[in-house]
Protein backbone atom coordinates (compact mmCIF):
# COMPACT_ATOMS: atom_id res chain seq x y z
CA MET A 1 -21.89 14.14 25.53
CA LYS A 2 -18.16 13.78 26.22
CA ALA A 3 -16.03 15.12 23.41
CA ALA A 4 -12.54 16.28 22.44
CA TRP A 5 -12.17 19.44 20.38
CA TYR A 6 -9.91 22.32 19.39
CA GLU A 7 -10.67 25.98 18.76
CA SER A 8 -7.33 26.89 17.21
CA THR A 9 -4.61 24.94 15.45
CA GLY A 10 -1.34 23.90 17.09
CA GLU A 11 0.37 21.22 19.16
CA PRO A 12 -1.90 18.58 20.76
CA LYS A 13 -1.20 19.59 24.36
CA LYS A 14 -1.78 23.26 23.57
CA VAL A 15 -5.04 23.09 21.63
CA LEU A 16 -6.91 19.85 22.36
CA GLN A 17 -9.61 20.13 25.01
CA LEU A 18 -11.95 17.66 26.73
CA GLY A 19 -15.41 18.45 28.01
CA GLU A 20 -19.15 18.21 27.56
CA MET A 21 -21.11 19.25 24.49
CA ASP A 22 -24.70 18.94 23.35
CA ILE A 23 -25.54 15.82 21.36
CA PRO A 24 -26.04 16.86 17.72
CA GLU A 25 -29.32 16.08 16.00
CA PRO A 26 -29.45 14.36 12.61
CA LYS A 27 -30.81 16.46 9.77
CA ALA A 28 -32.41 15.14 6.60
CA ASP A 29 -30.50 12.15 5.14
CA GLU A 30 -28.23 12.00 8.20
CA VAL A 31 -27.75 9.49 10.99
CA LEU A 32 -26.77 9.92 14.64
CA VAL A 33 -24.10 7.42 15.66
CA ARG A 34 -23.18 6.45 19.23
CA LEU A 35 -19.45 5.98 18.79
CA HIS A 36 -17.47 3.14 20.31
CA THR A 37 -14.15 3.94 18.64
CA SER A 38 -12.43 6.69 16.67
CA GLY A 39 -9.49 6.33 14.28
CA ILE A 40 -6.70 8.89 13.87
CA ASN A 41 -5.13 9.52 10.47
CA PRO A 42 -2.30 11.85 9.35
CA TYR A 43 -4.88 14.18 7.80
CA ASP A 44 -6.49 14.63 11.22
CA THR A 45 -3.24 15.53 12.99
CA LYS A 46 -2.07 17.78 10.16
CA ARG A 47 -5.38 19.63 10.14
CA ARG A 48 -5.26 20.07 13.94
CA GLY A 49 -1.60 21.10 13.75
CA GLY A 50 -2.23 23.79 11.14
CA LEU A 51 -0.07 22.09 8.51
CA LEU A 52 -2.95 22.22 6.02
CA GLY A 53 -3.63 25.90 6.72
CA THR A 54 -4.27 27.67 10.01
CA THR A 55 -7.72 29.03 9.10
CA MET A 56 -10.45 27.39 11.17
CA GLN A 57 -13.50 26.51 9.09
CA PHE A 58 -15.55 26.30 12.29
CA GLU A 59 -15.14 27.94 15.70
CA ARG A 60 -14.85 24.52 17.34
CA VAL A 61 -13.86 21.25 15.68
CA ILE A 62 -14.24 17.71 17.00
CA PRO A 63 -11.45 15.91 15.08
CA HIS A 64 -11.19 12.59 13.23
CA ASN A 65 -12.94 11.26 10.16
CA ASP A 66 -12.97 7.52 10.86
CA GLY A 67 -14.77 5.58 13.57
CA ALA A 68 -17.28 2.87 14.39
CA GLY A 69 -20.39 2.58 16.52
CA ILE A 70 -24.16 2.06 16.46
CA ILE A 71 -26.83 4.21 14.81
CA GLU A 72 -29.16 5.63 17.48
CA ALA A 73 -31.35 7.94 15.42
CA VAL A 74 -32.00 8.91 11.82
CA GLY A 75 -33.09 12.06 10.04
CA ILE A 76 -35.87 12.50 7.53
CA GLY A 77 -35.24 10.41 4.43
CA VAL A 78 -33.35 7.62 6.21
CA ASP A 79 -35.06 4.28 6.81
CA ASP A 80 -35.91 3.76 10.50
CA THR A 81 -34.64 0.19 10.23
CA ARG A 82 -31.09 1.58 10.35
CA VAL A 83 -31.51 2.36 14.06
CA GLY A 84 -29.46 -0.18 16.03
CA GLU A 85 -27.17 -0.97 13.07
CA ARG A 86 -23.45 -1.48 13.68
CA VAL A 87 -21.51 0.81 11.32
CA TRP A 88 -18.06 2.04 10.33
CA LEU A 89 -17.71 5.66 9.30
CA TYR A 90 -15.71 7.61 6.75
CA GLU A 91 -15.27 11.35 6.12
CA ALA A 92 -17.27 12.17 9.27
CA GLN A 93 -15.50 15.52 9.77
CA LEU A 94 -15.13 16.48 6.11
CA GLY A 95 -16.59 19.97 5.80
CA ARG A 96 -18.30 19.52 9.17
CA PRO A 97 -17.53 20.43 12.81
CA PHE A 98 -18.51 17.00 14.21
CA GLY A 99 -15.80 14.36 13.88
CA THR A 100 -15.60 11.03 15.71
CA ALA A 101 -13.59 12.01 18.83
CA ALA A 102 -16.81 12.18 20.84
CA GLU A 103 -19.58 9.98 22.18
CA TYR A 104 -21.85 10.94 19.27
CA THR A 105 -21.54 12.25 15.75
CA VAL A 106 -23.91 13.00 12.88
CA LEU A 107 -23.04 12.44 9.23
CA PRO A 108 -24.66 11.59 5.88
CA SER A 109 -26.30 8.17 5.97
CA GLU A 110 -24.20 6.78 3.09
CA LYS A 111 -21.01 7.47 5.07
CA ALA A 112 -22.15 5.14 7.84
CA VAL A 113 -21.53 1.68 6.40
CA THR A 114 -22.79 -1.61 7.83
CA LEU A 115 -20.08 -3.24 9.99
CA PRO A 116 -20.23 -7.05 9.81
CA GLU A 117 -20.53 -8.89 13.12
CA ASN A 118 -17.14 -10.55 12.58
CA THR A 119 -15.40 -7.15 12.71
CA SER A 120 -14.84 -5.35 16.02
CA PHE A 121 -15.47 -1.64 16.55
CA ALA A 122 -11.71 -1.08 16.94
CA GLU A 123 -11.13 -2.77 13.59
CA GLY A 124 -13.97 -0.79 12.03
CA ALA A 125 -12.26 2.46 13.05
CA CYS A 126 -9.18 1.39 11.04
CA LEU A 127 -11.03 1.44 7.72
CA GLY A 128 -12.24 4.79 6.38
CA ILE A 129 -9.35 6.78 4.94
CA PRO A 130 -6.74 3.94 4.90
CA ALA A 131 -8.85 1.21 3.32
CA MET A 132 -10.65 3.47 0.85
CA THR A 133 -7.39 5.10 -0.23
CA ALA A 134 -5.85 1.67 -0.69
CA HIS A 135 -8.82 0.47 -2.73
CA TYR A 136 -8.66 3.41 -5.12
CA CYS A 137 -4.89 3.13 -5.53
CA VAL A 138 -5.20 -0.56 -6.39
CA PHE A 139 -8.32 -0.57 -8.58
CA ALA A 140 -8.68 2.94 -10.07
CA ASP A 141 -7.11 1.79 -13.34
CA GLY A 142 -9.01 -1.42 -13.74
CA ALA A 143 -8.90 -5.03 -12.60
CA VAL A 144 -5.60 -6.33 -11.24
CA THR A 145 -6.02 -10.01 -12.01
CA ASP A 146 -2.63 -11.43 -13.02
CA LYS A 147 -1.00 -7.98 -12.77
CA THR A 148 2.23 -7.49 -10.83
CA ILE A 149 1.83 -4.69 -8.31
CA LEU A 150 4.46 -3.06 -6.11
CA ILE A 151 3.13 -1.72 -2.80
CA ALA A 152 5.59 0.73 -1.24
CA GLY A 153 5.38 0.71 2.55
CA GLY A 154 3.50 -2.57 2.79
CA THR A 155 2.91 -2.38 6.55
CA GLY A 156 1.62 1.20 6.69
CA ALA A 157 -2.07 1.90 7.33
CA VAL A 158 -2.80 2.34 3.61
CA GLY A 159 -0.06 0.05 2.31
CA ASN A 160 -1.13 -2.96 4.33
CA TYR A 161 -4.72 -2.74 3.12
CA ALA A 162 -3.38 -2.26 -0.43
CA VAL A 163 -1.41 -5.51 -0.12
CA GLN A 164 -4.50 -7.38 1.01
CA LEU A 165 -6.88 -5.85 -1.52
CA ALA A 166 -4.48 -6.37 -4.42
CA LYS A 167 -4.04 -10.01 -3.45
CA TRP A 168 -7.81 -10.40 -3.10
CA GLY A 169 -8.13 -8.92 -6.59
CA GLY A 170 -5.87 -11.60 -8.07
CA ALA A 171 -2.59 -9.68 -8.40
CA LYS A 172 0.96 -10.83 -7.78
CA VAL A 173 2.01 -8.55 -4.94
CA ILE A 174 5.48 -7.25 -4.13
CA ALA A 175 5.82 -5.06 -1.02
CA THR A 176 8.64 -2.93 0.32
CA VAL A 177 9.23 -2.53 4.06
CA GLY A 178 11.88 -1.01 6.32
CA SER A 179 12.76 -3.93 8.59
CA ASP A 180 12.83 -7.71 8.73
CA ASP A 181 10.09 -7.66 11.40
CA LYS A 182 7.88 -5.80 8.96
CA LYS A 183 8.71 -8.39 6.31
CA VAL A 184 6.86 -10.95 8.41
CA ILE A 185 3.80 -8.71 8.70
CA ALA A 186 3.67 -7.99 4.95
CA THR A 187 4.09 -11.69 4.14
CA ASN A 188 1.33 -12.66 6.57
CA SER A 189 -0.89 -10.04 4.91
CA GLY A 190 -0.52 -11.80 1.55
CA ALA A 191 2.50 -10.27 -0.19
CA ASP A 192 4.12 -12.80 -2.54
CA GLN A 193 7.52 -11.12 -2.23
CA VAL A 194 8.80 -8.60 0.31
CA ILE A 195 11.84 -6.34 -0.10
CA ASN A 196 13.64 -4.61 2.77
CA TYR A 197 14.47 -1.29 1.12
CA LYS A 198 17.07 -0.51 3.78
CA SER A 199 19.19 -3.57 3.09
CA GLU A 200 18.27 -4.57 -0.49
CA ASN A 201 18.44 -2.82 -3.85
CA ILE A 202 14.79 -2.37 -4.84
CA SER A 203 15.20 -2.24 -8.62
CA ASP A 204 17.61 -5.19 -8.69
CA ARG A 205 15.24 -7.29 -6.60
CA ILE A 206 12.21 -6.27 -8.68
CA PHE A 207 13.89 -7.34 -11.91
CA GLU A 208 15.03 -10.57 -10.27
CA ILE A 209 11.50 -11.35 -9.08
CA THR A 210 9.86 -10.43 -12.41
CA ASP A 211 12.47 -11.97 -14.71
CA GLY A 212 13.52 -8.52 -15.88
CA GLU A 213 10.02 -7.33 -16.83
CA GLY A 214 9.24 -4.89 -14.02
CA VAL A 215 5.82 -4.16 -12.54
CA ASP A 216 2.45 -3.22 -14.03
CA ARG A 217 1.41 -0.88 -11.24
CA ILE A 218 2.83 0.85 -8.21
CA VAL A 219 1.02 2.02 -5.08
CA GLU A 220 3.32 4.74 -3.76
CA VAL A 221 3.70 6.31 -0.30
CA ALA A 222 6.95 8.19 -1.05
CA PHE A 223 6.50 9.56 -4.57
CA ALA A 224 9.46 11.96 -4.56
CA THR A 225 11.85 9.57 -2.85
CA ASN A 226 11.13 6.68 -5.20
CA LEU A 227 10.94 8.49 -8.54
CA GLU A 228 14.27 7.18 -9.82
CA VAL A 229 13.50 3.59 -8.88
CA ASN A 230 9.95 3.73 -10.21
CA GLN A 231 10.92 5.06 -13.63
CA LYS A 232 13.20 2.04 -13.99
CA ILE A 233 10.83 -0.68 -12.83
CA ILE A 234 7.48 0.43 -14.24
CA LYS A 235 6.47 -1.45 -17.38
CA PRO A 236 5.39 0.37 -20.56
CA ASN A 237 1.80 1.54 -20.13
CA GLY A 238 2.05 1.00 -16.39
CA ALA A 239 0.42 3.14 -13.72
CA ILE A 240 1.62 4.76 -10.50
CA ALA A 241 -0.93 5.73 -7.84
CA ALA A 242 0.67 7.98 -5.20
CA TYR A 243 -1.09 9.02 -2.00
CA SER A 244 1.91 10.65 -0.31
CA SER A 245 5.22 12.14 -1.40
CA GLY A 246 7.35 13.69 1.33
CA ASP A 247 8.62 16.43 -0.95
CA ASN A 248 5.60 18.31 -2.29
CA ASN A 249 7.57 19.74 -5.25
CA PRO A 250 9.56 16.85 -6.72
CA GLN A 251 11.37 17.06 -10.04
CA VAL A 252 9.76 14.47 -12.30
CA PRO A 253 11.91 12.86 -15.03
CA PHE A 254 9.28 13.56 -17.66
CA ARG A 255 10.98 12.01 -20.68
CA GLN A 256 11.71 8.68 -18.98
CA PHE A 257 8.07 8.30 -17.96
CA MET A 258 6.77 9.65 -21.27
CA LEU A 259 8.69 7.04 -23.25
CA LYS A 260 6.89 4.35 -21.25
CA ASN A 261 3.51 6.06 -21.55
CA THR A 262 3.25 5.96 -17.76
CA LEU A 263 0.02 6.98 -16.09
CA MET A 264 0.54 8.94 -12.85
CA ARG A 265 -2.39 9.21 -10.49
CA PHE A 266 -2.29 11.38 -7.39
CA VAL A 267 -4.78 10.14 -4.82
CA MET A 268 -6.75 12.07 -2.19
CA THR A 269 -9.61 10.14 -0.64
CA TYR A 270 -11.82 13.19 -0.19
CA ALA A 271 -11.56 14.03 -3.90
CA MET A 272 -12.40 10.54 -5.14
CA PRO A 273 -15.43 10.50 -7.44
CA GLN A 274 -18.64 9.14 -5.92
CA PRO A 275 -18.56 5.88 -7.95
CA ALA A 276 -15.08 5.21 -6.52
CA HIS A 277 -16.40 5.67 -2.99
CA GLN A 278 -19.26 3.31 -3.73
CA ALA A 279 -16.97 0.69 -5.28
CA ALA A 280 -14.62 0.88 -2.29
CA VAL A 281 -17.48 0.49 0.19
CA LYS A 282 -18.84 -2.51 -1.74
CA ASP A 283 -15.52 -4.34 -1.97
CA ILE A 284 -14.40 -3.53 1.57
CA THR A 285 -17.72 -4.78 2.93
CA THR A 286 -17.37 -7.98 0.90
CA CYS A 287 -13.84 -8.52 2.19
CA LEU A 288 -14.92 -7.90 5.78
CA SER A 289 -17.83 -10.32 5.47
CA GLU A 290 -15.52 -12.96 3.99
CA GLY A 291 -12.93 -12.43 6.73
CA VAL A 292 -10.32 -11.46 4.15
CA LEU A 293 -8.93 -8.33 5.81
CA GLN A 294 -6.47 -8.15 8.68
CA HIS A 295 -6.25 -4.91 10.65
CA GLN A 296 -3.08 -3.46 12.16
CA ILE A 297 -3.72 -1.66 15.45
CA ALA A 298 -0.70 0.00 17.05
CA GLN A 299 -2.38 1.36 20.17
CA GLU A 300 -5.82 1.76 21.74
CA LEU A 301 -6.17 4.74 24.09
CA PRO A 302 -9.18 6.18 25.93
CA LEU A 303 -10.72 9.50 24.92
CA SER A 304 -9.26 10.99 28.10
CA ASP A 305 -5.81 10.41 26.57
CA ILE A 306 -6.61 12.30 23.35
CA VAL A 307 -3.42 14.38 23.60
CA LYS A 308 -1.29 11.27 24.02
CA ALA A 309 -3.11 9.62 21.12
CA HIS A 310 -2.39 12.56 18.78
CA GLU A 311 1.24 12.67 19.86
CA ALA A 312 1.59 8.92 19.22
CA ALA A 313 0.00 9.30 15.78
CA GLU A 314 2.34 12.15 14.86
CA LYS A 315 5.39 10.16 15.96
CA GLY A 316 4.26 7.04 14.14
CA GLU A 317 4.51 4.94 17.28
CA GLY A 318 3.97 1.24 16.60
CA ILE A 319 2.77 -0.48 13.44
CA GLY A 320 -0.78 0.28 12.42
CA ASN A 321 -3.57 2.62 13.47
CA ILE A 322 -3.96 4.64 16.66
CA ILE A 323 -7.48 3.98 17.96
CA VAL A 324 -9.30 6.13 20.52
CA GLU A 325 -11.76 4.18 22.67
CA ILE A 326 -14.94 6.14 23.28
CA ILE A 327 -16.79 3.41 25.18
């Protein structure tokens, strides 16, 4: 099979290779998927770049955790009726050498989720880490019906799904974005109010929108940067779910948050408990089937351009996901 891989960490052009490899065989409770598309996430580029530690868990790694394709074979313990099923994948490369930047991958059967016919393979490769992270950030602390939720970075891969899922869950959604063009995208995705954080005062606008009450929950992409604003706008007994920070060692104004009994949740998809994974899969599948979710795709590049795709992902080129076309 054709595949992209690396044998040491570093810059894309220095470590990524293209070539032929043997097709892996599914073991017990696994499926073999013929991939059509592969999605790139920050975790994938950071792991390849050595930013999460330079030690290689395997001698050779095919990168990427997300993707979409068709099941071609199953291992012992998996129903044969799954063969031929369209699926989207998550955590394909977690603790394994076979990611989705190849023509085939093997992974546990439960991590290959039925992809509704109304969703393309490119759209299916957008899900995985972004949509599941968004789901946990929005719903980890209970139902959001009639809650007011602030989504920081409402057009990012995670943020945009968070906007849509929160709205689907019955929340009043406020999103922050960095440009007026992005305001349009966040509004079209369902945000009730959108704030340009570069030209508007976030806390002033939040209190204006909420009649001085603030927000019940915050889905945060820049935890350290927004600490001061968030401690002002979060309601008593509110919750902040942060999946990124910028500064990994921020100084937290403990007393201000303590006086509001604020719950802080730090989110890593791979560490989510199994029931959270199952709940995310269930709700995402429902939303896909109902045509609720929109998918932001910045670029689609062929596997032969894997270096260019990683460079584009690292630079944050465009709005949305970088998708690698396998077929």
